[in-house]
């Protein structure tokens, strides 16, 4: 009978130990799950912030590229307009010089 009581006490103590370890394992897994969830939320927030920053950088870069292209186009058009005005003035001068000059004998008088 003493032997049976000892086995029962040992069995009860073993059952309590196993239950305690089981509860501790579940608590540790719950803690891990919460930490993993918090880490994933933080990672998601970081990725969203980086995506927003990258989008902003790309928009600014595209604006700079467009501004540069428009500036180059304005300079090109300015140069073309200047060349056209110079060509028109030269054309008027040449037409006047070839077709509307006075003969040499009129100039001497």
C-alpha atoms as a PDB file:
ATOM      1  CA  UNK A   1       0.000   0.000   0.000  1.00  0.00           C
ATOM      2  CA  UNK A   2       2.870   2.354   0.739  1.00  0.00           C
ATOM      3  CA  UNK A   3       4.290   1.416  -2.601  1.00  0.00           C
ATOM      4  CA  UNK A   4       0.968   2.257  -4.314  1.00  0.00           C
ATOM      5  CA  UNK A   5       0.741   5.612  -2.544  1.00  0.00           C
ATOM      6  CA  UNK A   6       4.323   6.425  -3.575  1.00  0.00           C
ATOM      7  CA  UNK A   7       3.543   5.578  -7.207  1.00  0.00           C
ATOM      8  CA  UNK A   8       0.364   7.674  -7.064  1.00  0.00           C
ATOM      9  CA  UNK A   9       2.263  10.635  -5.535  1.00  0.00           C
ATOM     10  CA  UNK A  10       4.988  10.246  -8.175  1.00  0.00           C
ATOM     11  CA  UNK A  11       2.342   9.999 -10.905  1.00  0.00           C
ATOM     12  CA  UNK A  12       0.551  13.127  -9.641  1.00  0.00           C
ATOM     13  CA  UNK A  13       3.819  15.047  -9.397  1.00  0.00           C
ATOM     14  CA  UNK A  14       4.782  13.950 -12.906  1.00  0.00           C
ATOM     15  CA  UNK A  15       1.347  14.970 -14.232  1.00  0.00           C
ATOM     16  CA  UNK A  16       1.667  18.407 -12.609  1.00  0.00           C
ATOM     17  CA  UNK A  17       5.186  18.813 -14.054  1.00  0.00           C
ATOM     18  CA  UNK A  18       4.023  17.831 -17.531  1.00  0.00           C
ATOM     19  CA  UNK A  19       1.027  20.174 -17.271  1.00  0.00           C
ATOM     20  CA  UNK A  20       3.311  22.990 -16.086  1.00  0.00           C
ATOM     21  CA  UNK A  21       5.718  22.411 -18.993  1.00  0.00           C
ATOM     22  CA  UNK A  22       2.789  22.277 -21.406  1.00  0.00           C
ATOM     23  CA  UNK A  23       1.428  25.591 -20.085  1.00  0.00           C
ATOM     24  CA  UNK A  24       4.901  27.169 -20.229  1.00  0.00           C
ATOM     25  CA  UNK A  25       5.353  25.980 -23.823  1.00  0.00           C
ATOM     26  CA  UNK A  26       1.983  27.473 -24.794  1.00  0.00           C
ATOM     27  CA  UNK A  27       2.854  30.757 -23.067  1.00  0.00           C
ATOM     28  CA  UNK A  28       6.226  30.866 -24.847  1.00  0.00           C
ATOM     29  CA  UNK A  29       4.562  30.161 -28.204  1.00  0.00           C
ATOM     30  CA  UNK A  30       1.970  32.882 -27.546  1.00  0.00           C
ATOM     31  CA  UNK A  31       4.783  35.309 -26.713  1.00  0.00           C
ATOM     32  CA  UNK A  32       6.616  34.335 -29.890  1.00  0.00           C
ATOM     33  CA  UNK A  33       3.447  34.779 -31.925  1.00  0.00           C
ATOM     34  CA  UNK A  34       2.894  38.251 -30.485  1.00  0.00           C
ATOM     35  CA  UNK A  35       6.516  39.252 -31.074  1.00  0.00           C
ATOM     36  CA  UNK A  36       6.395  37.928 -34.627  1.00  0.00           C
ATOM     37  CA  UNK A  37       3.149  39.797 -35.263  1.00  0.00           C
ATOM     38  CA  UNK A  38       4.642  43.028 -33.890  1.00  0.00           C
ATOM     39  CA  UNK A  39       7.788  42.537 -35.987  1.00  0.00           C
ATOM     40  CA  UNK A  40       5.722  41.936 -39.136  1.00  0.00           C
ATOM     41  CA  UNK A  41       3.636  45.043 -38.468  1.00  0.00           C
ATOM     42  CA  UNK A  42       6.795  47.087 -37.987  1.00  0.00           C
ATOM     43  CA  UNK A  43       8.269  45.625 -41.156  1.00  0.00           C
ATOM     44  CA  UNK A  44       5.071  46.442 -43.033  1.00  0.00           C
ATOM     45  CA  UNK A  45       5.167  50.036 -41.763  1.00  0.00           C
ATOM     46  CA  UNK A  46       8.840  50.360 -42.712  1.00  0.00           C
ATOM     47  CA  UNK A  47       8.227  48.970 -46.199  1.00  0.00           C
ATOM     48  CA  UNK A  48       5.266  51.321 -46.690  1.00  0.00           C
ATOM     49  CA  UNK A  49       7.382  54.300 -45.619  1.00  0.00           C
ATOM     50  CA  UNK A  50      10.213  53.257 -47.950  1.00  0.00           C
ATOM     51  CA  UNK A  51       7.750  52.780 -50.821  1.00  0.00           C
ATOM     52  CA  UNK A  52       6.334  56.255 -50.184  1.00  0.00           C
ATOM     53  CA  UNK A  53       9.834  57.763 -50.044  1.00  0.00           C
ATOM     54  CA  UNK A  54      10.843  55.969 -53.254  1.00  0.00           C
ATOM     55  CA  UNK A  55       7.694  57.150 -55.025  1.00  0.00           C
ATOM     56  CA  UNK A  56       8.375  60.706 -53.907  1.00  0.00           C
ATOM     57  CA  UNK A  57      11.993  60.480 -55.094  1.00  0.00           C
ATOM     58  CA  UNK A  58      10.925  59.113 -58.484  1.00  0.00           C
ATOM     59  CA  UNK A  59       8.355  61.897 -58.872  1.00  0.00           C
ATOM     60  CA  UNK A  60      10.944  64.559 -58.024  1.00  0.00           C
ATOM     61  CA  UNK A  61      13.454  62.982 -60.386  1.00  0.00           C
ATOM     62  CA  UNK A  62      10.924  62.841 -63.220  1.00  0.00           C
ATOM     63  CA  UNK A  63      10.022  66.491 -62.596  1.00  0.00           C
ATOM     64  CA  UNK A  64      13.704  67.436 -62.774  1.00  0.00           C
ATOM     65  CA  UNK A  65      14.107  65.486 -66.010  1.00  0.00           C
ATOM     66  CA  UNK A  66      11.050  67.146 -67.551  1.00  0.00           C
ATOM     67  CA  UNK A  67      12.204  70.583 -66.378  1.00  0.00           C
ATOM     68  CA  UNK A  68      15.640  69.966 -67.872  1.00  0.00           C
ATOM     69  CA  UNK A  69      14.129  68.802 -71.174  1.00  0.00           C
ATOM     70  CA  UNK A  70      11.831  71.848 -71.348  1.00  0.00           C
ATOM     71  CA  UNK A  71      14.802  74.116 -70.590  1.00  0.00           C
ATOM     72  CA  UNK A  72      16.829  72.490 -73.365  1.00  0.00           C
ATOM     73  CA  UNK A  73      13.885  72.859 -75.749  1.00  0.00           C
ATOM     74  CA  UNK A  74      13.506  76.540 -74.836  1.00  0.00           C
ATOM     75  CA  UNK A  75      17.209  77.138 -75.475  1.00  0.00           C
ATOM     76  CA  UNK A  76      16.994  75.299 -78.788  1.00  0.00           C
ATOM     77  CA  UNK A  77      13.944  77.284 -79.867  1.00  0.00           C
ATOM     78  CA  UNK A  78      15.639  80.526 -78.782  1.00  0.00           C
ATOM     79  CA  UNK A  79      18.695  79.680 -80.842  1.00  0.00           C
ATOM     80  CA  UNK A  80      16.498  78.730 -83.822  1.00  0.00           C
ATOM     81  CA  UNK A  81      14.557  81.998 -83.533  1.00  0.00           C
ATOM     82  CA  UNK A  82      17.804  83.991 -83.350  1.00  0.00           C
ATOM     83  CA  UNK A  83      19.147  82.145 -86.404  1.00  0.00           C
ATOM     84  CA  UNK A  84      15.876  82.776 -88.265  1.00  0.00           C
ATOM     85  CA  UNK A  85      15.962  86.503 -87.412  1.00  0.00           C
ATOM     86  CA  UNK A  86      19.619  86.762 -88.498  1.00  0.00           C
ATOM     87  CA  UNK A  87      18.809  84.862 -91.707  1.00  0.00           C
ATOM     88  CA  UNK A  88      15.818  87.143 -92.402  1.00  0.00           C
ATOM     89  CA  UNK A  89      17.919  90.278 -91.824  1.00  0.00           C
ATOM     90  CA  UNK A  90      20.681  88.922 -94.035  1.00  0.00           C
ATOM     91  CA  UNK A  91      18.107  87.997 -96.694  1.00  0.00           C
ATOM     92  CA  UNK A  92      16.594  91.495 -96.632  1.00  0.00           C
ATOM     93  CA  UNK A  93      20.065  93.029 -96.856  1.00  0.00           C
ATOM     94  CA  UNK A  94      21.052  90.764 -99.778  1.00  0.00           C
ATOM     95  CA  UNK A  95      17.781  91.396-101.653  1.00  0.00           C
ATOM     96  CA  UNK A  96      18.208  95.133-101.193  1.00  0.00           C
ATOM     97  CA  UNK A  97      21.851  94.992-102.199  1.00  0.00           C
ATOM     98  CA  UNK A  98      21.239  92.878-105.338  1.00  0.00           C
ATOM     99  CA  UNK A  99      17.928  94.302-106.578  1.00  0.00           C
ATOM    100  CA  UNK A 100      17.609  97.839-105.256  1.00  0.00           C
ATOM    101  CA  UNK A 101      21.071  99.340-105.483  1.00  0.00           C
ATOM    102  CA  UNK A 102      21.613 102.466-107.450  1.00  0.00           C
ATOM    103  CA  UNK A 103      23.785 102.410-110.529  1.00  0.00           C
ATOM    104  CA  UNK A 104      27.320 103.701-110.177  1.00  0.00           C
ATOM    105  CA  UNK A 105      26.763 106.862-112.243  1.00  0.00           C
ATOM    106  CA  UNK A 106      23.898 108.003-109.962  1.00  0.00           C
ATOM    107  CA  UNK A 107      26.000 107.530-106.880  1.00  0.00           C
ATOM    108  CA  UNK A 108      28.753 109.897-108.100  1.00  0.00           C
ATOM    109  CA  UNK A 109      26.487 112.859-108.466  1.00  0.00           C
END
